[in-house]
Amino acid sequence: LEHALPDVLGTDRERFAGRHTLVV
């Protein structure tokens, strides 16, 4: 789980790149 507003294009990029993310 991720808190609101993760730094998708910056420091948190590795957790999201090439993966499936569900935003609720």
mmCIF file of all heavy atoms, coordinates in Angstrom:
data_MODEL
# 
_entry.id   MODEL 
# 
loop_
_atom_site.group_PDB 
_atom_site.id 
_atom_site.type_symbol 
_atom_site.label_atom_id 
_atom_site.label_alt_id 
_atom_site.label_comp_id 
_atom_site.label_asym_id 
_atom_site.label_entity_id 
_atom_site.label_seq_id 
_atom_site.pdbx_PDB_ins_code 
_atom_site.Cartn_x 
_atom_site.Cartn_y 
_atom_site.Cartn_z 
_atom_site.occupancy 
_atom_site.B_iso_or_equiv 
_atom_site.pdbx_formal_charge 
_atom_site.auth_seq_id 
_atom_site.auth_comp_id 
_atom_site.auth_asym_id 
_atom_site.auth_atom_id 
_atom_site.pdbx_PDB_model_num 
ATOM 1   N N   . LEU A 1 1  ? 0.823  -1.203 0.000   1.00 0.00 ? 1  LEU A N   1 
ATOM 2   C CA  . LEU A 1 1  ? 0.000  0.000  0.000   1.00 0.00 ? 1  LEU A CA  1 
ATOM 3   C C   . LEU A 1 1  ? 0.863  1.261  0.000   1.00 0.00 ? 1  LEU A C   1 
ATOM 4   O O   . LEU A 1 1  ? 1.931  1.298  0.601   1.00 0.00 ? 1  LEU A O   1 
ATOM 5   C CB  . LEU A 1 1  ? -0.912 0.019  1.222   1.00 0.00 ? 1  LEU A CB  1 
ATOM 6   C CG  . LEU A 1 1  ? -1.895 -1.146 1.373   1.00 0.00 ? 1  LEU A CG  1 
ATOM 7   C CD1 . LEU A 1 1  ? -2.791 -0.922 2.588   1.00 0.00 ? 1  LEU A CD1 1 
ATOM 8   C CD2 . LEU A 1 1  ? -2.723 -1.322 0.108   1.00 0.00 ? 1  LEU A CD2 1 
ATOM 9   N N   . GLU A 1 2  ? 0.371  2.276  -0.681  1.00 0.00 ? 2  GLU A N   1 
ATOM 10  C CA  . GLU A 1 2  ? 1.050  3.566  -0.756  1.00 0.00 ? 2  GLU A CA  1 
ATOM 11  C C   . GLU A 1 2  ? 0.163  4.640  -0.142  1.00 0.00 ? 2  GLU A C   1 
ATOM 12  O O   . GLU A 1 2  ? -1.058 4.647  -0.331  1.00 0.00 ? 2  GLU A O   1 
ATOM 13  C CB  . GLU A 1 2  ? 1.319  3.946  -2.224  1.00 0.00 ? 2  GLU A CB  1 
ATOM 14  C CG  . GLU A 1 2  ? 2.222  2.986  -2.961  1.00 0.00 ? 2  GLU A CG  1 
ATOM 15  C CD  . GLU A 1 2  ? 3.691  3.190  -2.658  1.00 0.00 ? 2  GLU A CD  1 
ATOM 16  O OE1 . GLU A 1 2  ? 4.028  4.231  -2.067  1.00 0.00 ? 2  GLU A OE1 1 
ATOM 17  O OE2 . GLU A 1 2  ? 4.493  2.314  -3.020  1.00 0.00 ? 2  GLU A OE2 1 
ATOM 18  N N   . HIS A 1 3  ? 0.802  5.541  0.574   1.00 0.00 ? 3  HIS A N   1 
ATOM 19  C CA  . HIS A 1 3  ? 0.132  6.739  1.067   1.00 0.00 ? 3  HIS A CA  1 
ATOM 20  C C   . HIS A 1 3  ? -0.262 7.597  -0.131  1.00 0.00 ? 3  HIS A C   1 
ATOM 21  O O   . HIS A 1 3  ? 0.246  7.408  -1.240  1.00 0.00 ? 3  HIS A O   1 
ATOM 22  C CB  . HIS A 1 3  ? 1.099  7.505  1.978   1.00 0.00 ? 3  HIS A CB  1 
ATOM 23  C CG  . HIS A 1 3  ? 0.457  8.542  2.841   1.00 0.00 ? 3  HIS A CG  1 
ATOM 24  N ND1 . HIS A 1 3  ? 0.064  9.767  2.370   1.00 0.00 ? 3  HIS A ND1 1 
ATOM 25  C CD2 . HIS A 1 3  ? 0.144  8.543  4.165   1.00 0.00 ? 3  HIS A CD2 1 
ATOM 26  C CE1 . HIS A 1 3  ? -0.445 10.482 3.348   1.00 0.00 ? 3  HIS A CE1 1 
ATOM 27  N NE2 . HIS A 1 3  ? -0.414 9.762  4.459   1.00 0.00 ? 3  HIS A NE2 1 
ATOM 28  N N   . ALA A 1 4  ? -1.164 8.516  0.059   1.00 0.00 ? 4  ALA A N   1 
ATOM 29  C CA  . ALA A 1 4  ? -1.532 9.435  -1.014  1.00 0.00 ? 4  ALA A CA  1 
ATOM 30  C C   . ALA A 1 4  ? -0.300 10.190 -1.529  1.00 0.00 ? 4  ALA A C   1 
ATOM 31  O O   . ALA A 1 4  ? 0.629  10.480 -0.783  1.00 0.00 ? 4  ALA A O   1 
ATOM 32  C CB  . ALA A 1 4  ? -2.572 10.432 -0.517  1.00 0.00 ? 4  ALA A CB  1 
ATOM 33  N N   . LEU A 1 5  ? -0.298 10.493 -2.816  1.00 0.00 ? 5  LEU A N   1 
ATOM 34  C CA  . LEU A 1 5  ? 0.711  11.323 -3.463  1.00 0.00 ? 5  LEU A CA  1 
ATOM 35  C C   . LEU A 1 5  ? 2.134  10.770 -3.415  1.00 0.00 ? 5  LEU A C   1 
ATOM 36  O O   . LEU A 1 5  ? 3.083  11.476 -3.048  1.00 0.00 ? 5  LEU A O   1 
ATOM 37  C CB  . LEU A 1 5  ? 0.696  12.751 -2.885  1.00 0.00 ? 5  LEU A CB  1 
ATOM 38  C CG  . LEU A 1 5  ? -0.621 13.507 -3.060  1.00 0.00 ? 5  LEU A CG  1 
ATOM 39  C CD1 . LEU A 1 5  ? -0.598 14.808 -2.280  1.00 0.00 ? 5  LEU A CD1 1 
ATOM 40  C CD2 . LEU A 1 5  ? -0.892 13.780 -4.533  1.00 0.00 ? 5  LEU A CD2 1 
ATOM 41  N N   . PRO A 1 6  ? 2.354  9.513  -3.778  1.00 0.00 ? 6  PRO A N   1 
ATOM 42  C CA  . PRO A 1 6  ? 3.732  9.015  -3.873  1.00 0.00 ? 6  PRO A CA  1 
ATOM 43  C C   . PRO A 1 6  ? 4.483  9.739  -4.985  1.00 0.00 ? 6  PRO A C   1 
ATOM 44  O O   . PRO A 1 6  ? 3.880  10.240 -5.945  1.00 0.00 ? 6  PRO A O   1 
ATOM 45  C CB  . PRO A 1 6  ? 3.538  7.533  -4.208  1.00 0.00 ? 6  PRO A CB  1 
ATOM 46  C CG  . PRO A 1 6  ? 2.208  7.465  -4.892  1.00 0.00 ? 6  PRO A CG  1 
ATOM 47  C CD  . PRO A 1 6  ? 1.363  8.504  -4.213  1.00 0.00 ? 6  PRO A CD  1 
ATOM 48  N N   . ASP A 1 7  ? 5.798  9.793  -4.872  1.00 0.00 ? 7  ASP A N   1 
ATOM 49  C CA  . ASP A 1 7  ? 6.625  10.481 -5.862  1.00 0.00 ? 7  ASP A CA  1 
ATOM 50  C C   . ASP A 1 7  ? 6.918  9.522  -7.022  1.00 0.00 ? 7  ASP A C   1 
ATOM 51  O O   . ASP A 1 7  ? 8.025  8.991  -7.164  1.00 0.00 ? 7  ASP A O   1 
ATOM 52  C CB  . ASP A 1 7  ? 7.924  10.964 -5.209  1.00 0.00 ? 7  ASP A CB  1 
ATOM 53  C CG  . ASP A 1 7  ? 8.725  11.897 -6.108  1.00 0.00 ? 7  ASP A CG  1 
ATOM 54  O OD1 . ASP A 1 7  ? 8.255  12.190 -7.227  1.00 0.00 ? 7  ASP A OD1 1 
ATOM 55  O OD2 . ASP A 1 7  ? 9.818  12.309 -5.690  1.00 0.00 ? 7  ASP A OD2 1 
ATOM 56  N N   . VAL A 1 8  ? 5.923  9.320  -7.863  1.00 0.00 ? 8  VAL A N   1 
ATOM 57  C CA  . VAL A 1 8  ? 5.961  8.298  -8.906  1.00 0.00 ? 8  VAL A CA  1 
ATOM 58  C C   . VAL A 1 8  ? 7.097  8.508  -9.899  1.00 0.00 ? 8  VAL A C   1 
ATOM 59  O O   . VAL A 1 8  ? 7.758  7.555  -10.329 1.00 0.00 ? 8  VAL A O   1 
ATOM 60  C CB  . VAL A 1 8  ? 4.609  8.254  -9.646  1.00 0.00 ? 8  VAL A CB  1 
ATOM 61  C CG1 . VAL A 1 8  ? 4.674  7.326  -10.863 1.00 0.00 ? 8  VAL A CG1 1 
ATOM 62  C CG2 . VAL A 1 8  ? 3.505  7.800  -8.691  1.00 0.00 ? 8  VAL A CG2 1 
ATOM 63  N N   . LEU A 1 9  ? 7.360  9.740  -10.278 1.00 0.00 ? 9  LEU A N   1 
ATOM 64  C CA  . LEU A 1 9  ? 8.384  10.017 -11.285 1.00 0.00 ? 9  LEU A CA  1 
ATOM 65  C C   . LEU A 1 9  ? 9.741  10.339 -10.663 1.00 0.00 ? 9  LEU A C   1 
ATOM 66  O O   . LEU A 1 9  ? 10.694 10.615 -11.382 1.00 0.00 ? 9  LEU A O   1 
ATOM 67  C CB  . LEU A 1 9  ? 7.939  11.171 -12.182 1.00 0.00 ? 9  LEU A CB  1 
ATOM 68  C CG  . LEU A 1 9  ? 6.680  10.913 -13.019 1.00 0.00 ? 9  LEU A CG  1 
ATOM 69  C CD1 . LEU A 1 9  ? 6.310  12.153 -13.827 1.00 0.00 ? 9  LEU A CD1 1 
ATOM 70  C CD2 . LEU A 1 9  ? 6.874  9.718  -13.942 1.00 0.00 ? 9  LEU A CD2 1 
ATOM 71  N N   . GLY A 1 10 ? 9.812  10.306 -9.331  1.00 0.00 ? 10 GLY A N   1 
ATOM 72  C CA  . GLY A 1 10 ? 11.055 10.643 -8.652  1.00 0.00 ? 10 GLY A CA  1 
ATOM 73  C C   . GLY A 1 10 ? 11.563 9.521  -7.781  1.00 0.00 ? 10 GLY A C   1 
ATOM 74  O O   . GLY A 1 10 ? 11.863 8.431  -8.254  1.00 0.00 ? 10 GLY A O   1 
ATOM 75  N N   . THR A 1 11 ? 11.611 9.769  -6.492  1.00 0.00 ? 11 THR A N   1 
ATOM 76  C CA  . THR A 1 11 ? 12.226 8.822  -5.577  1.00 0.00 ? 11 THR A CA  1 
ATOM 77  C C   . THR A 1 11 ? 11.497 7.484  -5.487  1.00 0.00 ? 11 THR A C   1 
ATOM 78  O O   . THR A 1 11 ? 12.097 6.473  -5.124  1.00 0.00 ? 11 THR A O   1 
ATOM 79  C CB  . THR A 1 11 ? 12.319 9.432  -4.165  1.00 0.00 ? 11 THR A CB  1 
ATOM 80  O OG1 . THR A 1 11 ? 11.002 9.815  -3.732  1.00 0.00 ? 11 THR A OG1 1 
ATOM 81  C CG2 . THR A 1 11 ? 13.206 10.670 -4.172  1.00 0.00 ? 11 THR A CG2 1 
ATOM 82  N N   . ASP A 1 12 ? 10.221 7.455  -5.812  1.00 0.00 ? 12 ASP A N   1 
ATOM 83  C CA  . ASP A 1 12 ? 9.448  6.213  -5.714  1.00 0.00 ? 12 ASP A CA  1 
ATOM 84  C C   . ASP A 1 12 ? 9.283  5.510  -7.058  1.00 0.00 ? 12 ASP A C   1 
ATOM 85  O O   . ASP A 1 12 ? 8.547  4.518  -7.149  1.00 0.00 ? 12 ASP A O   1 
ATOM 86  C CB  . ASP A 1 12 ? 8.055  6.507  -5.131  1.00 0.00 ? 12 ASP A CB  1 
ATOM 87  C CG  . ASP A 1 12 ? 8.124  7.170  -3.771  1.00 0.00 ? 12 ASP A CG  1 
ATOM 88  O OD1 . ASP A 1 12 ? 9.076  6.863  -3.023  1.00 0.00 ? 12 ASP A OD1 1 
ATOM 89  O OD2 . ASP A 1 12 ? 7.243  7.981  -3.446  1.00 0.00 ? 12 ASP A OD2 1 
ATOM 90  N N   . ARG A 1 13 ? 9.944  5.997  -8.084  1.00 0.00 ? 13 ARG A N   1 
ATOM 91  C CA  . ARG A 1 13 ? 9.727  5.498  -9.443  1.00 0.00 ? 13 ARG A CA  1 
ATOM 92  C C   . ARG A 1 13 ? 9.909  3.978  -9.555  1.00 0.00 ? 13 ARG A C   1 
ATOM 93  O O   . ARG A 1 13 ? 9.118  3.299  -10.224 1.00 0.00 ? 13 ARG A O   1 
ATOM 94  C CB  . ARG A 1 13 ? 10.686 6.206  -10.401 1.00 0.00 ? 13 ARG A CB  1 
ATOM 95  C CG  . ARG A 1 13 ? 10.538 5.788  -11.864 1.00 0.00 ? 13 ARG A CG  1 
ATOM 96  C CD  . ARG A 1 13 ? 11.629 6.404  -12.734 1.00 0.00 ? 13 ARG A CD  1 
ATOM 97  N NE  . ARG A 1 13 ? 11.482 6.017  -14.123 1.00 0.00 ? 13 ARG A NE  1 
ATOM 98  C CZ  . ARG A 1 13 ? 11.034 6.811  -15.079 1.00 0.00 ? 13 ARG A CZ  1 
ATOM 99  N NH1 . ARG A 1 13 ? 10.669 8.048  -14.788 1.00 0.00 ? 13 ARG A NH1 1 
ATOM 100 N NH2 . ARG A 1 13 ? 10.935 6.384  -16.322 1.00 0.00 ? 13 ARG A NH2 1 
ATOM 101 N N   . GLU A 1 14 ? 10.904 3.429  -8.896  1.00 0.00 ? 14 GLU A N   1 
ATOM 102 C CA  . GLU A 1 14 ? 11.216 2.010  -9.044  1.00 0.00 ? 14 GLU A CA  1 
ATOM 103 C C   . GLU A 1 14 ? 10.050 1.118  -8.620  1.00 0.00 ? 14 GLU A C   1 
ATOM 104 O O   . GLU A 1 14 ? 9.879  0.018  -9.145  1.00 0.00 ? 14 GLU A O   1 
ATOM 105 C CB  . GLU A 1 14 ? 12.466 1.681  -8.226  1.00 0.00 ? 14 GLU A CB  1 
ATOM 106 C CG  . GLU A 1 14 ? 12.981 0.265  -8.425  1.00 0.00 ? 14 GLU A CG  1 
ATOM 107 C CD  . GLU A 1 14 ? 14.267 0.023  -7.691  1.00 0.00 ? 14 GLU A CD  1 
ATOM 108 O OE1 . GLU A 1 14 ? 14.992 1.003  -7.426  1.00 0.00 ? 14 GLU A OE1 1 
ATOM 109 O OE2 . GLU A 1 14 ? 14.555 -1.143 -7.363  1.00 0.00 ? 14 GLU A OE2 1 
ATOM 110 N N   . ARG A 1 15 ? 9.251  1.604  -7.676  1.00 0.00 ? 15 ARG A N   1 
ATOM 111 C CA  . ARG A 1 15 ? 8.141  0.796  -7.186  1.00 0.00 ? 15 ARG A CA  1 
ATOM 112 C C   . ARG A 1 15 ? 6.982  0.733  -8.181  1.00 0.00 ? 15 ARG A C   1 
ATOM 113 O O   . ARG A 1 15 ? 6.111  -0.128 -8.067  1.00 0.00 ? 15 ARG A O   1 
ATOM 114 C CB  . ARG A 1 15 ? 7.637  1.334  -5.847  1.00 0.00 ? 15 ARG A CB  1 
ATOM 115 C CG  . ARG A 1 15 ? 8.658  1.250  -4.733  1.00 0.00 ? 15 ARG A CG  1 
ATOM 116 C CD  . ARG A 1 15 ? 7.974  1.220  -3.372  1.00 0.00 ? 15 ARG A CD  1 
ATOM 117 N NE  . ARG A 1 15 ? 7.188  2.415  -3.099  1.00 0.00 ? 15 ARG A NE  1 
ATOM 118 C CZ  . ARG A 1 15 ? 7.670  3.517  -2.535  1.00 0.00 ? 15 ARG A CZ  1 
ATOM 119 N NH1 . ARG A 1 15 ? 8.957  3.581  -2.222  1.00 0.00 ? 15 ARG A NH1 1 
ATOM 120 N NH2 . ARG A 1 15 ? 6.898  4.546  -2.289  1.00 0.00 ? 15 ARG A NH2 1 
ATOM 121 N N   . PHE A 1 16 ? 6.965  1.643  -9.157  1.00 0.00 ? 16 PHE A N   1 
ATOM 122 C CA  . PHE A 1 16 ? 5.823  1.735  -10.068 1.00 0.00 ? 16 PHE A CA  1 
ATOM 123 C C   . PHE A 1 16 ? 6.172  1.396  -11.520 1.00 0.00 ? 16 PHE A C   1 
ATOM 124 O O   . PHE A 1 16 ? 5.300  0.967  -12.281 1.00 0.00 ? 16 PHE A O   1 
ATOM 125 C CB  . PHE A 1 16 ? 5.230  3.146  -10.019 1.00 0.00 ? 16 PHE A CB  1 
ATOM 126 C CG  . PHE A 1 16 ? 4.693  3.523  -8.666  1.00 0.00 ? 16 PHE A CG  1 
ATOM 127 C CD1 . PHE A 1 16 ? 5.473  4.230  -7.755  1.00 0.00 ? 16 PHE A CD1 1 
ATOM 128 C CD2 . PHE A 1 16 ? 3.418  3.158  -8.282  1.00 0.00 ? 16 PHE A CD2 1 
ATOM 129 C CE1 . PHE A 1 16 ? 4.988  4.566  -6.510  1.00 0.00 ? 16 PHE A CE1 1 
ATOM 130 C CE2 . PHE A 1 16 ? 2.918  3.488  -7.038  1.00 0.00 ? 16 PHE A CE2 1 
ATOM 131 C CZ  . PHE A 1 16 ? 3.705  4.195  -6.149  1.00 0.00 ? 16 PHE A CZ  1 
ATOM 132 N N   . ALA A 1 17 ? 7.414  1.623  -11.929 1.00 0.00 ? 17 ALA A N   1 
ATOM 133 C CA  . ALA A 1 17 ? 7.811  1.428  -13.322 1.00 0.00 ? 17 ALA A CA  1 
ATOM 134 C C   . ALA A 1 17 ? 7.637  -0.031 -13.734 1.00 0.00 ? 17 ALA A C   1 
ATOM 135 O O   . ALA A 1 17 ? 8.125  -0.946 -13.065 1.00 0.00 ? 17 ALA A O   1 
ATOM 136 C CB  . ALA A 1 17 ? 9.255  1.877  -13.530 1.00 0.00 ? 17 ALA A CB  1 
ATOM 137 N N   . GLY A 1 18 ? 6.936  -0.244 -14.831 1.00 0.00 ? 18 GLY A N   1 
ATOM 138 C CA  . GLY A 1 18 ? 6.731  -1.584 -15.357 1.00 0.00 ? 18 GLY A CA  1 
ATOM 139 C C   . GLY A 1 18 ? 5.792  -2.437 -14.532 1.00 0.00 ? 18 GLY A C   1 
ATOM 140 O O   . GLY A 1 18 ? 5.755  -3.659 -14.698 1.00 0.00 ? 18 GLY A O   1 
ATOM 141 N N   . ARG A 1 19 ? 5.020  -1.816 -13.668 1.00 0.00 ? 19 ARG A N   1 
ATOM 142 C CA  . ARG A 1 19 ? 4.128  -2.553 -12.788 1.00 0.00 ? 19 ARG A CA  1 
ATOM 143 C C   . ARG A 1 19 ? 2.700  -2.040 -12.909 1.00 0.00 ? 19 ARG A C   1 
ATOM 144 O O   . ARG A 1 19 ? 2.446  -1.000 -13.498 1.00 0.00 ? 19 ARG A O   1 
ATOM 145 C CB  . ARG A 1 19 ? 4.615  -2.456 -11.341 1.00 0.00 ? 19 ARG A CB  1 
ATOM 146 C CG  . ARG A 1 19 ? 6.011  -3.048 -11.150 1.00 0.00 ? 19 ARG A CG  1 
ATOM 147 C CD  . ARG A 1 19 ? 6.445  -3.023 -9.715  1.00 0.00 ? 19 ARG A CD  1 
ATOM 148 N NE  . ARG A 1 19 ? 7.770  -3.621 -9.557  1.00 0.00 ? 19 ARG A NE  1 
ATOM 149 C CZ  . ARG A 1 19 ? 8.356  -3.797 -8.384  1.00 0.00 ? 19 ARG A CZ  1 
ATOM 150 N NH1 . ARG A 1 19 ? 7.765  -3.420 -7.263  1.00 0.00 ? 19 ARG A NH1 1 
ATOM 151 N NH2 . ARG A 1 19 ? 9.553  -4.359 -8.318  1.00 0.00 ? 19 ARG A NH2 1 
ATOM 152 N N   . HIS A 1 20 ? 1.795  -2.802 -12.308 1.00 0.00 ? 20 HIS A N   1 
ATOM 153 C CA  . HIS A 1 20 ? 0.382  -2.434 -12.334 1.00 0.00 ? 20 HIS A CA  1 
ATOM 154 C C   . HIS A 1 20 ? 0.012  -1.766 -11.016 1.00 0.00 ? 20 HIS A C   1 
ATOM 155 O O   . HIS A 1 20 ? 0.188  -2.351 -9.943  1.00 0.00 ? 20 HIS A O   1 
ATOM 156 C CB  . HIS A 1 20 ? -0.487 -3.676 -12.547 1.00 0.00 ? 20 HIS A CB  1 
ATOM 157 C CG  . HIS A 1 20 ? -1.959 -3.381 -12.580 1.00 0.00 ? 20 HIS A CG  1 
ATOM 158 N ND1 . HIS A 1 20 ? -2.916 -4.330 -12.343 1.00 0.00 ? 20 HIS A ND1 1 
ATOM 159 C CD2 . HIS A 1 20 ? -2.636 -2.225 -12.841 1.00 0.00 ? 20 HIS A CD2 1 
ATOM 160 C CE1 . HIS A 1 20 ? -4.120 -3.786 -12.453 1.00 0.00 ? 20 HIS A CE1 1 
ATOM 161 N NE2 . HIS A 1 20 ? -3.965 -2.503 -12.750 1.00 0.00 ? 20 HIS A NE2 1 
ATOM 162 N N   . THR A 1 21 ? -0.483 -0.532 -11.090 1.00 0.00 ? 21 THR A N   1 
ATOM 163 C CA  . THR A 1 21 ? -0.886 0.213  -9.902  1.00 0.00 ? 21 THR A CA  1 
ATOM 164 C C   . THR A 1 21 ? -2.381 0.459  -9.925  1.00 0.00 ? 21 THR A C   1 
ATOM 165 O O   . THR A 1 21 ? -2.938 0.898  -10.932 1.00 0.00 ? 21 THR A O   1 
ATOM 166 C CB  . THR A 1 21 ? -0.149 1.561  -9.811  1.00 0.00 ? 21 THR A CB  1 
ATOM 167 O OG1 . THR A 1 21 ? 1.260  1.337  -9.741  1.00 0.00 ? 21 THR A OG1 1 
ATOM 168 C CG2 . THR A 1 21 ? -0.593 2.334  -8.579  1.00 0.00 ? 21 THR A CG2 1 
ATOM 169 N N   . LEU A 1 22 ? -3.012 0.190  -8.810  1.00 0.00 ? 22 LEU A N   1 
ATOM 170 C CA  . LEU A 1 22 ? -4.431 0.486  -8.626  1.00 0.00 ? 22 LEU A CA  1 
ATOM 171 C C   . LEU A 1 22 ? -4.545 1.705  -7.720  1.00 0.00 ? 22 LEU A C   1 
ATOM 172 O O   . LEU A 1 22 ? -4.028 1.704  -6.596  1.00 0.00 ? 22 LEU A O   1 
ATOM 173 C CB  . LEU A 1 22 ? -5.136 -0.710 -7.986  1.00 0.00 ? 22 LEU A CB  1 
ATOM 174 C CG  . LEU A 1 22 ? -6.582 -0.496 -7.540  1.00 0.00 ? 22 LEU A CG  1 
ATOM 175 C CD1 . LEU A 1 22 ? -7.485 -0.228 -8.728  1.00 0.00 ? 22 LEU A CD1 1 
ATOM 176 C CD2 . LEU A 1 22 ? -7.079 -1.695 -6.744  1.00 0.00 ? 22 LEU A CD2 1 
ATOM 177 N N   . VAL A 1 23 ? -5.193 2.765  -8.206  1.00 0.00 ? 23 VAL A N   1 
ATOM 178 C CA  . VAL A 1 23 ? -5.413 3.980  -7.422  1.00 0.00 ? 23 VAL A CA  1 
ATOM 179 C C   . VAL A 1 23 ? -6.857 3.987  -6.961  1.00 0.00 ? 23 VAL A C   1 
ATOM 180 O O   . VAL A 1 23 ? -7.783 3.870  -7.769  1.00 0.00 ? 23 VAL A O   1 
ATOM 181 C CB  . VAL A 1 23 ? -5.107 5.248  -8.245  1.00 0.00 ? 23 VAL A CB  1 
ATOM 182 C CG1 . VAL A 1 23 ? -5.398 6.497  -7.421  1.00 0.00 ? 23 VAL A CG1 1 
ATOM 183 C CG2 . VAL A 1 23 ? -3.654 5.241  -8.715  1.00 0.00 ? 23 VAL A CG2 1 
ATOM 184 N N   . VAL A 1 24 ? -7.051 4.139  -5.670  1.00 0.00 ? 24 VAL A N   1 
ATOM 185 C CA  . VAL A 1 24 ? -8.393 4.144  -5.085  1.00 0.00 ? 24 VAL A CA  1 
ATOM 186 C C   . VAL A 1 24 ? -8.698 5.542  -4.564  1.00 0.00 ? 24 VAL A C   1 
ATOM 187 O O   . VAL A 1 24 ? -7.975 6.064  -3.720  1.00 0.00 ? 24 VAL A O   1 
ATOM 188 C CB  . VAL A 1 24 ? -8.491 3.126  -3.931  1.00 0.00 ? 24 VAL A CB  1 
ATOM 189 C CG1 . VAL A 1 24 ? -9.915 3.095  -3.377  1.00 0.00 ? 24 VAL A CG1 1 
ATOM 190 C CG2 . VAL A 1 24 ? -8.063 1.748  -4.395  1.00 0.00 ? 24 VAL A CG2 1 
# 
